[in-house]
Amino acid sequence: GIIFGFLGPNGAGKTTTINLLLGLLEPTVGRAEVLGFDPWRDG
């Protein structure tokens, strides 16, 4: 329920993070949950 700002210079990894959260890329290490789902397994 908030607006979350994800800030950084060009090449900081912002777009890559979004692609990970949408399940378009697989993490190398670590994990993510989006609305309670694993974005890679439950893309």
Full PDB file with SEQRES, HELIX, SHEET, SSBOND, CRYST1, ORIGX, SCALE, CONECT and MASTER records, all heavy atoms in Angstrom:
SEQRES   1 A   43  GLY ILE ILE PHE GLY PHE LEU GLY PRO ASN GLY ALA GLY          
SEQRES   2 A   43  LYS THR THR THR ILE ASN LEU LEU LEU GLY LEU LEU GLU          
SEQRES   3 A   43  PRO THR VAL GLY ARG ALA GLU VAL LEU GLY PHE ASP PRO          
SEQRES   4 A   43  TRP ARG ASP GLY                                              
HELIX    1 AA1 LYS A   14  LEU A   21  1                                   8    
CRYST1    1.000    1.000    1.000  90.00  90.00  90.00 P 1           1          
ORIGX1      1.000000  0.000000  0.000000        0.00000                         
ORIGX2      0.000000  1.000000  0.000000        0.00000                         
ORIGX3      0.000000  0.000000  1.000000        0.00000                         
SCALE1      1.000000  0.000000  0.000000        0.00000                         
SCALE2      0.000000  1.000000  0.000000        0.00000                         
SCALE3      0.000000  0.000000  1.000000        0.00000                         
ATOM      1  N   GLY A   1       0.774  -1.234   0.000  1.00  0.00           N  
ATOM      2  CA  GLY A   1       0.000   0.000   0.000  1.00  0.00           C  
ATOM      3  C   GLY A   1       0.801   1.278   0.000  1.00  0.00           C  
ATOM      4  O   GLY A   1       0.272   2.332   0.323  1.00  0.00           O  
ATOM      5  N   ILE A   2       2.100   1.215  -0.362  1.00  0.00           N  
ATOM      6  CA  ILE A   2       2.917   2.428  -0.404  1.00  0.00           C  
ATOM      7  C   ILE A   2       3.504   2.595  -1.804  1.00  0.00           C  
ATOM      8  O   ILE A   2       3.465   1.685  -2.629  1.00  0.00           O  
ATOM      9  CB  ILE A   2       4.068   2.387   0.623  1.00  0.00           C  
ATOM     10  CG1 ILE A   2       5.117   1.330   0.225  1.00  0.00           C  
ATOM     11  CG2 ILE A   2       3.555   2.137   2.026  1.00  0.00           C  
ATOM     12  CD1 ILE A   2       6.433   1.479   0.975  1.00  0.00           C  
ATOM     13  N   ILE A   3       4.049   3.780  -2.044  1.00  0.00           N  
ATOM     14  CA  ILE A   3       4.902   3.981  -3.221  1.00  0.00           C  
ATOM     15  C   ILE A   3       6.335   3.837  -2.732  1.00  0.00           C  
ATOM     16  O   ILE A   3       6.798   4.583  -1.867  1.00  0.00           O  
ATOM     17  CB  ILE A   3       4.673   5.357  -3.867  1.00  0.00           C  
ATOM     18  CG1 ILE A   3       3.224   5.496  -4.335  1.00  0.00           C  
ATOM     19  CG2 ILE A   3       5.628   5.547  -5.055  1.00  0.00           C  
ATOM     20  CD1 ILE A   3       2.921   6.817  -5.035  1.00  0.00           C  
ATOM     21  N   PHE A   4       7.015   2.855  -3.272  1.00  0.00           N  
ATOM     22  CA  PHE A   4       8.386   2.530  -2.877  1.00  0.00           C  
ATOM     23  C   PHE A   4       9.333   3.022  -3.958  1.00  0.00           C  
ATOM     24  O   PHE A   4       9.210   2.654  -5.125  1.00  0.00           O  
ATOM     25  CB  PHE A   4       8.530   1.018  -2.705  1.00  0.00           C  
ATOM     26  CG  PHE A   4       9.936   0.550  -2.428  1.00  0.00           C  
ATOM     27  CD1 PHE A   4      10.502   0.688  -1.175  1.00  0.00           C  
ATOM     28  CD2 PHE A   4      10.696  -0.020  -3.439  1.00  0.00           C  
ATOM     29  CE1 PHE A   4      11.794   0.256  -0.921  1.00  0.00           C  
ATOM     30  CE2 PHE A   4      11.990  -0.465  -3.204  1.00  0.00           C  
ATOM     31  CZ  PHE A   4      12.541  -0.320  -1.938  1.00  0.00           C  
ATOM     32  N   GLY A   5      10.261   3.898  -3.585  1.00  0.00           N  
ATOM     33  CA  GLY A   5      11.231   4.426  -4.535  1.00  0.00           C  
ATOM     34  C   GLY A   5      12.498   3.595  -4.534  1.00  0.00           C  
ATOM     35  O   GLY A   5      13.083   3.336  -3.481  1.00  0.00           O  
ATOM     36  N   PHE A   6      12.917   3.179  -5.713  1.00  0.00           N  
ATOM     37  CA  PHE A   6      14.126   2.361  -5.884  1.00  0.00           C  
ATOM     38  C   PHE A   6      15.099   3.198  -6.703  1.00  0.00           C  
ATOM     39  O   PHE A   6      14.938   3.343  -7.913  1.00  0.00           O  
ATOM     40  CB  PHE A   6      13.761   1.065  -6.599  1.00  0.00           C  
ATOM     41  CG  PHE A   6      14.783  -0.030  -6.475  1.00  0.00           C  
ATOM     42  CD1 PHE A   6      15.293  -0.406  -5.243  1.00  0.00           C  
ATOM     43  CD2 PHE A   6      15.213  -0.717  -7.605  1.00  0.00           C  
ATOM     44  CE1 PHE A   6      16.216  -1.443  -5.136  1.00  0.00           C  
ATOM     45  CE2 PHE A   6      16.122  -1.743  -7.505  1.00  0.00           C  
ATOM     46  CZ  PHE A   6      16.633  -2.101  -6.265  1.00  0.00           C  
ATOM     47  N   LEU A   7      16.080   3.800  -6.030  1.00  0.00           N  
ATOM     48  CA  LEU A   7      16.904   4.835  -6.633  1.00  0.00           C  
ATOM     49  C   LEU A   7      18.338   4.373  -6.790  1.00  0.00           C  
ATOM     50  O   LEU A   7      18.873   3.653  -5.945  1.00  0.00           O  
ATOM     51  CB  LEU A   7      16.884   6.104  -5.759  1.00  0.00           C  
ATOM     52  CG  LEU A   7      15.529   6.591  -5.270  1.00  0.00           C  
ATOM     53  CD1 LEU A   7      15.698   7.858  -4.441  1.00  0.00           C  
ATOM     54  CD2 LEU A   7      14.576   6.823  -6.427  1.00  0.00           C  
ATOM     55  N   GLY A   8      18.963   4.833  -7.862  1.00  0.00           N  
ATOM     56  CA  GLY A   8      20.368   4.537  -8.090  1.00  0.00           C  
ATOM     57  C   GLY A   8      20.794   5.092  -9.430  1.00  0.00           C  
ATOM     58  O   GLY A   8      19.953   5.374 -10.291  1.00  0.00           O  
ATOM     59  N   PRO A   9      22.103   5.262  -9.631  1.00  0.00           N  
ATOM     60  CA  PRO A   9      22.576   5.769 -10.920  1.00  0.00           C  
ATOM     61  C   PRO A   9      22.378   4.746 -12.021  1.00  0.00           C  
ATOM     62  O   PRO A   9      21.994   3.595 -11.764  1.00  0.00           O  
ATOM     63  CB  PRO A   9      24.074   6.017 -10.650  1.00  0.00           C  
ATOM     64  CG  PRO A   9      24.420   5.078  -9.543  1.00  0.00           C  
ATOM     65  CD  PRO A   9      23.197   4.974  -8.690  1.00  0.00           C  
ATOM     66  N   ASN A  10      22.613   5.161 -13.261  1.00  0.00           N  
ATOM     67  CA  ASN A  10      22.541   4.225 -14.379  1.00  0.00           C  
ATOM     68  C   ASN A  10      23.480   3.049 -14.127  1.00  0.00           C  
ATOM     69  O   ASN A  10      24.613   3.224 -13.679  1.00  0.00           O  
ATOM     70  CB  ASN A  10      22.933   4.919 -15.689  1.00  0.00           C  
ATOM     71  CG  ASN A  10      21.873   5.891 -16.157  1.00  0.00           C  
ATOM     72  OD1 ASN A  10      20.700   5.742 -15.845  1.00  0.00           O  
ATOM     73  ND2 ASN A  10      22.287   6.912 -16.907  1.00  0.00           N  
ATOM     74  N   GLY A  11      22.994   1.854 -14.414  1.00  0.00           N  
ATOM     75  CA  GLY A  11      23.825   0.669 -14.235  1.00  0.00           C  
ATOM     76  C   GLY A  11      23.884   0.163 -12.812  1.00  0.00           C  
ATOM     77  O   GLY A  11      24.669  -0.742 -12.503  1.00  0.00           O  
ATOM     78  N   ALA A  12      23.022   0.706 -11.931  1.00  0.00           N  
ATOM     79  CA  ALA A  12      23.066   0.297 -10.524  1.00  0.00           C  
ATOM     80  C   ALA A  12      22.406  -1.051 -10.273  1.00  0.00           C  
ATOM     81  O   ALA A  12      22.603  -1.654  -9.223  1.00  0.00           O  
ATOM     82  CB  ALA A  12      22.406   1.351  -9.646  1.00  0.00           C  
ATOM     83  N   GLY A  13      21.599  -1.529 -11.232  1.00  0.00           N  
ATOM     84  CA  GLY A  13      20.921  -2.813 -11.060  1.00  0.00           C  
ATOM     85  C   GLY A  13      19.421  -2.701 -10.860  1.00  0.00           C  
ATOM     86  O   GLY A  13      18.760  -3.690 -10.530  1.00  0.00           O  
ATOM     87  N   LYS A  14      18.840  -1.523 -11.104  1.00  0.00           N  
ATOM     88  CA  LYS A  14      17.410  -1.324 -10.860  1.00  0.00           C  
ATOM     89  C   LYS A  14      16.547  -2.174 -11.797  1.00  0.00           C  
ATOM     90  O   LYS A  14      15.644  -2.881 -11.351  1.00  0.00           O  
ATOM     91  CB  LYS A  14      17.066   0.168 -11.009  1.00  0.00           C  
ATOM     92  CG  LYS A  14      17.844   1.089 -10.075  1.00  0.00           C  
ATOM     93  CD  LYS A  14      17.356   2.513 -10.148  1.00  0.00           C  
ATOM     94  CE  LYS A  14      17.496   3.141 -11.528  1.00  0.00           C  
ATOM     95  NZ  LYS A  14      18.920   3.284 -11.933  1.00  0.00           N  
ATOM     96  N   THR A  15      16.823  -2.099 -13.088  1.00  0.00           N  
ATOM     97  CA  THR A  15      16.010  -2.843 -14.051  1.00  0.00           C  
ATOM     98  C   THR A  15      16.220  -4.342 -13.894  1.00  0.00           C  
ATOM     99  O   THR A  15      15.264  -5.125 -14.006  1.00  0.00           O  
ATOM    100  CB  THR A  15      16.342  -2.396 -15.486  1.00  0.00           C  
ATOM    101  OG1 THR A  15      16.073  -0.985 -15.615  1.00  0.00           O  
ATOM    102  CG2 THR A  15      15.506  -3.155 -16.507  1.00  0.00           C  
ATOM    103  N   THR A  16      17.446  -4.762 -13.606  1.00  0.00           N  
ATOM    104  CA  THR A  16      17.695  -6.189 -13.367  1.00  0.00           C  
ATOM    105  C   THR A  16      16.879  -6.679 -12.184  1.00  0.00           C  
ATOM    106  O   THR A  16      16.309  -7.778 -12.207  1.00  0.00           O  
ATOM    107  CB  THR A  16      19.193  -6.434 -13.105  1.00  0.00           C  
ATOM    108  OG1 THR A  16      19.946  -6.017 -14.243  1.00  0.00           O  
ATOM    109  CG2 THR A  16      19.471  -7.911 -12.840  1.00  0.00           C  
ATOM    110  N   THR A  17      16.778  -5.858 -11.129  1.00  0.00           N  
ATOM    111  CA  THR A  17      15.984  -6.236  -9.958  1.00  0.00           C  
ATOM    112  C   THR A  17      14.523  -6.410 -10.338  1.00  0.00           C  
ATOM    113  O   THR A  17      13.869  -7.385  -9.914  1.00  0.00           O  
ATOM    114  CB  THR A  17      16.134  -5.182  -8.853  1.00  0.00           C  
ATOM    115  OG1 THR A  17      17.510  -5.062  -8.482  1.00  0.00           O  
ATOM    116  CG2 THR A  17      15.318  -5.566  -7.629  1.00  0.00           C  
ATOM    117  N   ILE A  18      13.970  -5.493 -11.131  1.00  0.00           N  
ATOM    118  CA  ILE A  18      12.580  -5.626 -11.566  1.00  0.00           C  
ATOM    119  C   ILE A  18      12.389  -6.913 -12.356  1.00  0.00           C  
ATOM    120  O   ILE A  18      11.403  -7.647 -12.161  1.00  0.00           O  
ATOM    121  CB  ILE A  18      12.146  -4.398 -12.380  1.00  0.00           C  
ATOM    122  CG1 ILE A  18      12.005  -3.173 -11.477  1.00  0.00           C  
ATOM    123  CG2 ILE A  18      10.814  -4.660 -13.094  1.00  0.00           C  
ATOM    124  CD1 ILE A  18      11.619  -1.903 -12.205  1.00  0.00           C  
ATOM    125  N   ASN A  19      13.324  -7.223 -13.246  1.00  0.00           N  
ATOM    126  CA  ASN A  19      13.213  -8.452 -14.028  1.00  0.00           C  
ATOM    127  C   ASN A  19      13.266  -9.698 -13.149  1.00  0.00           C  
ATOM    128  O   ASN A  19      12.589 -10.702 -13.416  1.00  0.00           O  
ATOM    129  CB  ASN A  19      14.318  -8.503 -15.089  1.00  0.00           C  
ATOM    130  CG  ASN A  19      14.075  -7.532 -16.227  1.00  0.00           C  
ATOM    131  OD1 ASN A  19      12.937  -7.174 -16.523  1.00  0.00           O  
ATOM    132  ND2 ASN A  19      15.143  -7.086 -16.871  1.00  0.00           N  
ATOM    133  N   LEU A  20      14.045  -9.646 -12.088  1.00  0.00           N  
ATOM    134  CA  LEU A  20      14.069 -10.748 -11.119  1.00  0.00           C  
ATOM    135  C   LEU A  20      12.730 -10.864 -10.404  1.00  0.00           C  
ATOM    136  O   LEU A  20      12.209 -11.971 -10.184  1.00  0.00           O  
ATOM    137  CB  LEU A  20      15.194 -10.530 -10.109  1.00  0.00           C  
ATOM    138  CG  LEU A  20      16.620 -10.738 -10.620  1.00  0.00           C  
ATOM    139  CD1 LEU A  20      17.631 -10.106  -9.658  1.00  0.00           C  
ATOM    140  CD2 LEU A  20      16.924 -12.231 -10.781  1.00  0.00           C  
ATOM    141  N   LEU A  21      12.148  -9.723 -10.032  1.00  0.00           N  
ATOM    142  CA  LEU A  21      10.894  -9.730  -9.287  1.00  0.00           C  
ATOM    143  C   LEU A  21       9.714 -10.172 -10.153  1.00  0.00           C  
ATOM    144  O   LEU A  21       8.722 -10.680  -9.635  1.00  0.00           O  
ATOM    145  CB  LEU A  21      10.624  -8.345  -8.701  1.00  0.00           C  
ATOM    146  CG  LEU A  21      11.623  -7.894  -7.621  1.00  0.00           C  
ATOM    147  CD1 LEU A  21      11.335  -6.468  -7.188  1.00  0.00           C  
ATOM    148  CD2 LEU A  21      11.586  -8.831  -6.422  1.00  0.00           C  
ATOM    149  N   LEU A  22       9.814  -9.976 -11.448  1.00  0.00           N  
ATOM    150  CA  LEU A  22       8.764 -10.415 -12.364  1.00  0.00           C  
ATOM    151  C   LEU A  22       8.979 -11.852 -12.839  1.00  0.00           C  
ATOM    152  O   LEU A  22       8.174 -12.370 -13.621  1.00  0.00           O  
ATOM    153  CB  LEU A  22       8.685  -9.467 -13.567  1.00  0.00           C  
ATOM    154  CG  LEU A  22       8.080  -8.091 -13.283  1.00  0.00           C  
ATOM    155  CD1 LEU A  22       8.241  -7.177 -14.489  1.00  0.00           C  
ATOM    156  CD2 LEU A  22       6.605  -8.215 -12.897  1.00  0.00           C  
ATOM    157  N   GLY A  23      10.057 -12.478 -12.394  1.00  0.00           N  
ATOM    158  CA  GLY A  23      10.321 -13.851 -12.807  1.00  0.00           C  
ATOM    159  C   GLY A  23      10.880 -13.976 -14.201  1.00  0.00           C  
ATOM    160  O   GLY A  23      10.843 -15.057 -14.803  1.00  0.00           O  
ATOM    161  N   LEU A  24      11.416 -12.889 -14.743  1.00  0.00           N  
ATOM    162  CA  LEU A  24      12.001 -12.918 -16.092  1.00  0.00           C  
ATOM    163  C   LEU A  24      13.471 -13.311 -16.054  1.00  0.00           C  
ATOM    164  O   LEU A  24      14.050 -13.645 -17.090  1.00  0.00           O  
ATOM    165  CB  LEU A  24      11.848 -11.541 -16.750  1.00  0.00           C  
ATOM    166  CG  LEU A  24      10.408 -11.011 -16.816  1.00  0.00           C  
ATOM    167  CD1 LEU A  24      10.378  -9.620 -17.412  1.00  0.00           C  
ATOM    168  CD2 LEU A  24       9.516 -11.966 -17.613  1.00  0.00           C  
ATOM    169  N   LEU A  25      14.079 -13.239 -14.872  1.00  0.00           N  
ATOM    170  CA  LEU A  25      15.449 -13.687 -14.660  1.00  0.00           C  
ATOM    171  C   LEU A  25      15.479 -14.573 -13.421  1.00  0.00           C  
ATOM    172  O   LEU A  25      14.702 -14.377 -12.483  1.00  0.00           O  
ATOM    173  CB  LEU A  25      16.395 -12.503 -14.438  1.00  0.00           C  
ATOM    174  CG  LEU A  25      16.784 -11.637 -15.629  1.00  0.00           C  
ATOM    175  CD1 LEU A  25      17.603 -10.437 -15.151  1.00  0.00           C  
ATOM    176  CD2 LEU A  25      17.571 -12.438 -16.657  1.00  0.00           C  
ATOM    177  N   GLU A  26      16.388 -15.542 -13.414  1.00  0.00           N  
ATOM    178  CA  GLU A  26      16.563 -16.409 -12.249  1.00  0.00           C  
ATOM    179  C   GLU A  26      17.683 -15.860 -11.367  1.00  0.00           C  
ATOM    180  O   GLU A  26      18.734 -15.471 -11.870  1.00  0.00           O  
ATOM    181  CB  GLU A  26      16.922 -17.827 -12.696  1.00  0.00           C  
ATOM    182  CG  GLU A  26      17.075 -18.803 -11.547  1.00  0.00           C  
ATOM    183  CD  GLU A  26      17.393 -20.205 -12.011  1.00  0.00           C  
ATOM    184  OE1 GLU A  26      17.705 -20.376 -13.216  1.00  0.00           O  
ATOM    185  OE2 GLU A  26      17.346 -21.135 -11.180  1.00  0.00           O  
ATOM    186  N   PRO A  27      17.465 -15.801 -10.049  1.00  0.00           N  
ATOM    187  CA  PRO A  27      18.547 -15.345  -9.173  1.00  0.00           C  
ATOM    188  C   PRO A  27      19.743 -16.289  -9.223  1.00  0.00           C  
ATOM    189  O   PRO A  27      19.576 -17.499  -9.381  1.00  0.00           O  
ATOM    190  CB  PRO A  27      17.911 -15.360  -7.777  1.00  0.00           C  
ATOM    191  CG  PRO A  27      16.450 -15.494  -7.983  1.00  0.00           C  
ATOM    192  CD  PRO A  27      16.247 -16.146  -9.298  1.00  0.00           C  
ATOM    193  N   THR A  28      20.917 -15.725  -9.069  1.00  0.00           N  
ATOM    194  CA  THR A  28      22.113 -16.546  -8.935  1.00  0.00           C  
ATOM    195  C   THR A  28      22.216 -17.083  -7.508  1.00  0.00           C  
ATOM    196  O   THR A  28      22.525 -18.249  -7.277  1.00  0.00           O  
ATOM    197  CB  THR A  28      23.369 -15.716  -9.273  1.00  0.00           C  
ATOM    198  OG1 THR A  28      23.214 -15.156 -10.586  1.00  0.00           O  
ATOM    199  CG2 THR A  28      24.627 -16.583  -9.234  1.00  0.00           C  
ATOM    200  N   VAL A  29      21.934 -16.198  -6.551  1.00  0.00           N  
ATOM    201  CA  VAL A  29      21.952 -16.538  -5.132  1.00  0.00           C  
ATOM    202  C   VAL A  29      20.811 -15.775  -4.468  1.00  0.00           C  
ATOM    203  O   VAL A  29      20.396 -14.715  -4.947  1.00  0.00           O  
ATOM    204  CB  VAL A  29      23.303 -16.145  -4.469  1.00  0.00           C  
ATOM    205  CG1 VAL A  29      23.290 -16.454  -2.972  1.00  0.00           C  
ATOM    206  CG2 VAL A  29      24.469 -16.862  -5.138  1.00  0.00           C  
ATOM    207  N   GLY A  30      20.324 -16.277  -3.327  1.00  0.00           N  
ATOM    208  CA  GLY A  30      19.297 -15.575  -2.580  1.00  0.00           C  
ATOM    209  C   GLY A  30      17.910 -15.861  -3.129  1.00  0.00           C  
ATOM    210  O   GLY A  30      17.726 -16.691  -4.028  1.00  0.00           O  
ATOM    211  N   ARG A  31      16.940 -15.160  -2.584  1.00  0.00           N  
ATOM    212  CA  ARG A  31      15.555 -15.406  -2.982  1.00  0.00           C  
ATOM    213  C   ARG A  31      14.734 -14.131  -2.894  1.00  0.00           C  
ATOM    214  O   ARG A  31      15.132 -13.158  -2.260  1.00  0.00           O  
ATOM    215  CB  ARG A  31      14.926 -16.504  -2.119  1.00  0.00           C  
ATOM    216  CG  ARG A  31      14.809 -16.163  -0.648  1.00  0.00           C  
ATOM    217  CD  ARG A  31      14.379 -17.393   0.160  1.00  0.00           C  
ATOM    218  NE  ARG A  31      13.122 -17.926  -0.284  1.00  0.00           N  
ATOM    219  CZ  ARG A  31      11.925 -17.521   0.158  1.00  0.00           C  
ATOM    220  NH1 ARG A  31      11.869 -16.559   1.082  1.00  0.00           N  
ATOM    221  NH2 ARG A  31      10.810 -18.054  -0.293  1.00  0.00           N  
ATOM    222  N   ALA A  32      13.583 -14.197  -3.538  1.00  0.00           N  
ATOM    223  CA  ALA A  32      12.636 -13.080  -3.509  1.00  0.00           C  
ATOM    224  C   ALA A  32      11.234 -13.637  -3.334  1.00  0.00           C  
ATOM    225  O   ALA A  32      10.942 -14.777  -3.726  1.00  0.00           O  
ATOM    226  CB  ALA A  32      12.733 -12.259  -4.784  1.00  0.00           C  
ATOM    227  N   GLU A  33      10.374 -12.829  -2.741  1.00  0.00           N  
ATOM    228  CA  GLU A  33       8.941 -13.109  -2.694  1.00  0.00           C  
ATOM    229  C   GLU A  33       8.212 -11.878  -3.207  1.00  0.00           C  
ATOM    230  O   GLU A  33       8.527 -10.755  -2.815  1.00  0.00           O  
ATOM    231  CB  GLU A  33       8.467 -13.412  -1.270  1.00  0.00           C  
ATOM    232  CG  GLU A  33       8.858 -14.775  -0.754  1.00  0.00           C  
ATOM    233  CD  GLU A  33       8.269 -15.041   0.620  1.00  0.00           C  
ATOM    234  OE1 GLU A  33       7.436 -14.215   1.085  1.00  0.00           O  
ATOM    235  OE2 GLU A  33       8.655 -16.046   1.241  1.00  0.00           O  
ATOM    236  N   VAL A  34       7.234 -12.100  -4.063  1.00  0.00           N  
ATOM    237  CA  VAL A  34       6.388 -11.027  -4.573  1.00  0.00           C  
ATOM    238  C   VAL A  34       4.951 -11.422  -4.302  1.00  0.00           C  
ATOM    239  O   VAL A  34       4.473 -12.447  -4.812  1.00  0.00           O  
ATOM    240  CB  VAL A  34       6.621 -10.792  -6.078  1.00  0.00           C  
ATOM    241  CG1 VAL A  34       5.673  -9.724  -6.608  1.00  0.00           C  
ATOM    242  CG2 VAL A  34       8.071 -10.392  -6.343  1.00  0.00           C  
ATOM    243  N   LEU A  35       4.274 -10.664  -3.445  1.00  0.00           N  
ATOM    244  CA  LEU A  35       2.914 -10.989  -3.024  1.00  0.00           C  
ATOM    245  C   LEU A  35       2.835 -12.411  -2.472  1.00  0.00           C  
ATOM    246  O   LEU A  35       1.831 -13.109  -2.635  1.00  0.00           O  
ATOM    247  CB  LEU A  35       1.933 -10.795  -4.186  1.00  0.00           C  
ATOM    248  CG  LEU A  35       1.909  -9.386  -4.786  1.00  0.00           C  
ATOM    249  CD1 LEU A  35       1.023  -9.344  -6.017  1.00  0.00           C  
ATOM    250  CD2 LEU A  35       1.436  -8.350  -3.759  1.00  0.00           C  
ATOM    251  N   GLY A  36       3.922 -12.845  -1.838  1.00  0.00           N  
ATOM    252  CA  GLY A  36       3.966 -14.164  -1.219  1.00  0.00           C  
ATOM    253  C   GLY A  36       4.408 -15.279  -2.134  1.00  0.00           C  
ATOM    254  O   GLY A  36       4.531 -16.428  -1.690  1.00  0.00           O  
ATOM    255  N   PHE A  37       4.683 -14.994  -3.405  1.00  0.00           N  
ATOM    256  CA  PHE A  37       5.082 -16.011  -4.369  1.00  0.00           C  
ATOM    257  C   PHE A  37       6.559 -15.888  -4.708  1.00  0.00           C  
ATOM    258  O   PHE A  37       7.119 -14.787  -4.710  1.00  0.00           O  
ATOM    259  CB  PHE A  37       4.273 -15.883  -5.665  1.00  0.00           C  
ATOM    260  CG  PHE A  37       2.806 -16.155  -5.507  1.00  0.00           C  
ATOM    261  CD1 PHE A  37       1.906 -15.109  -5.339  1.00  0.00           C  
ATOM    262  CD2 PHE A  37       2.318 -17.446  -5.525  1.00  0.00           C  
ATOM    263  CE1 PHE A  37       0.549 -15.354  -5.193  1.00  0.00           C  
ATOM    264  CE2 PHE A  37       0.958 -17.711  -5.387  1.00  0.00           C  
ATOM    265  CZ  PHE A  37       0.077 -16.653  -5.217  1.00  0.00           C  
ATOM    266  N   ASP A  38       7.179 -17.006  -5.023  1.00  0.00           N  
ATOM    267  CA  ASP A  38       8.530 -17.022  -5.568  1.00  0.00           C  
ATOM    268  C   ASP A  38       8.429 -16.669  -7.052  1.00  0.00           C  
ATOM    269  O   ASP A  38       7.829 -17.421  -7.824  1.00  0.00           O  
ATOM    270  CB  ASP A  38       9.140 -18.414  -5.399  1.00  0.00           C  
ATOM    271  CG  ASP A  38      10.560 -18.508  -5.936  1.00  0.00           C  
ATOM    272  OD1 ASP A  38      10.804 -18.047  -7.081  1.00  0.00           O  
ATOM    273  OD2 ASP A  38      11.420 -19.062  -5.246  1.00  0.00           O  
ATOM    274  N   PRO A  39       8.989 -15.536  -7.478  1.00  0.00           N  
ATOM    275  CA  PRO A  39       8.769 -15.104  -8.861  1.00  0.00           C  
ATOM    276  C   PRO A  39       9.386 -16.022  -9.906  1.00  0.00           C  
ATOM    277  O   PRO A  39       8.907 -16.044 -11.050  1.00  0.00           O  
ATOM    278  CB  PRO A  39       9.389 -13.703  -8.915  1.00  0.00           C  
ATOM    279  CG  PRO A  39      10.288 -13.618  -7.739  1.00  0.00           C  
ATOM    280  CD  PRO A  39       9.732 -14.535  -6.700  1.00  0.00           C  
ATOM    281  N   TRP A  40      10.436 -16.756  -9.567  1.00  0.00           N  
ATOM    282  CA  TRP A  40      11.019 -17.653 -10.570  1.00  0.00           C  
ATOM    283  C   TRP A  40      10.208 -18.939 -10.676  1.00  0.00           C  
ATOM    284  O   TRP A  40       9.888 -19.406 -11.763  1.00  0.00           O  
ATOM    285  CB  TRP A  40      12.483 -17.955 -10.241  1.00  0.00           C  
ATOM    286  CG  TRP A  40      13.119 -18.833 -11.272  1.00  0.00           C  
ATOM    287  CD1 TRP A  40      13.519 -20.127 -11.137  1.00  0.00           C  
ATOM    288  CD2 TRP A  40      13.399 -18.489 -12.639  1.00  0.00           C  
ATOM    289  NE1 TRP A  40      14.031 -20.606 -12.316  1.00  0.00           N  
ATOM    290  CE2 TRP A  40      13.975 -19.622 -13.254  1.00  0.00           C  
ATOM    291  CE3 TRP A  40      13.218 -17.322 -13.393  1.00  0.00           C  
ATOM    292  CZ2 TRP A  40      14.379 -19.631 -14.591  1.00  0.00           C  
ATOM    293  CZ3 TRP A  40      13.617 -17.326 -14.734  1.00  0.00           C  
ATOM    294  CH2 TRP A  40      14.195 -18.462 -15.305  1.00  0.00           C  
ATOM    295  N   ARG A  41       9.828 -19.499  -9.529  1.00  0.00           N  
ATOM    296  CA  ARG A  41       9.063 -20.749  -9.528  1.00  0.00           C  
ATOM    297  C   ARG A  41       7.598 -20.512  -9.906  1.00  0.00           C  
ATOM    298  O   ARG A  41       6.960 -21.344 -10.557  1.00  0.00           O  
ATOM    299  CB  ARG A  41       9.147 -21.401  -8.147  1.00  0.00           C  
ATOM    300  CG  ARG A  41       8.578 -22.818  -8.094  1.00  0.00           C  
ATOM    301  CD  ARG A  41       8.640 -23.389  -6.689  1.00  0.00           C  
ATOM    302  NE  ARG A  41       7.807 -22.619  -5.770  1.00  0.00           N  
ATOM    303  CZ  ARG A  41       8.224 -22.116  -4.624  1.00  0.00           C  
ATOM    304  NH1 ARG A  41       9.479 -22.263  -4.236  1.00  0.00           N  
ATOM    305  NH2 ARG A  41       7.400 -21.439  -3.845  1.00  0.00           N  
ATOM    306  N   ASP A  42       7.049 -19.354  -9.459  1.00  0.00           N  
ATOM    307  CA  ASP A  42       5.629 -19.060  -9.675  1.00  0.00           C  
ATOM    308  C   ASP A  42       5.466 -17.784 -10.500  1.00  0.00           C  
ATOM    309  O   ASP A  42       4.655 -16.909 -10.171  1.00  0.00           O  
ATOM    310  CB  ASP A  42       4.922 -18.882  -8.326  1.00  0.00           C  
ATOM    311  CG  ASP A  42       5.118 -20.068  -7.398  1.00  0.00           C  
ATOM    312  OD1 ASP A  42       4.939 -21.205  -7.864  1.00  0.00           O  
ATOM    313  OD2 ASP A  42       5.462 -19.863  -6.224  1.00  0.00           O  
ATOM    314  N   GLY A  43       6.238 -17.690 -11.564  1.00  0.00           N  
ATOM    315  CA  GLY A  43       6.236 -16.475 -12.374  1.00  0.00           C  
ATOM    316  C   GLY A  43       4.872 -16.122 -12.934  1.00  0.00           C  
ATOM    317  O   GLY A  43       4.488 -14.940 -12.972  1.00  0.00           O  
TER     318      GLY A  43                                                      
MASTER        0    0    0    1    0    0    0    6  317    1    0    4          
END                                                                             
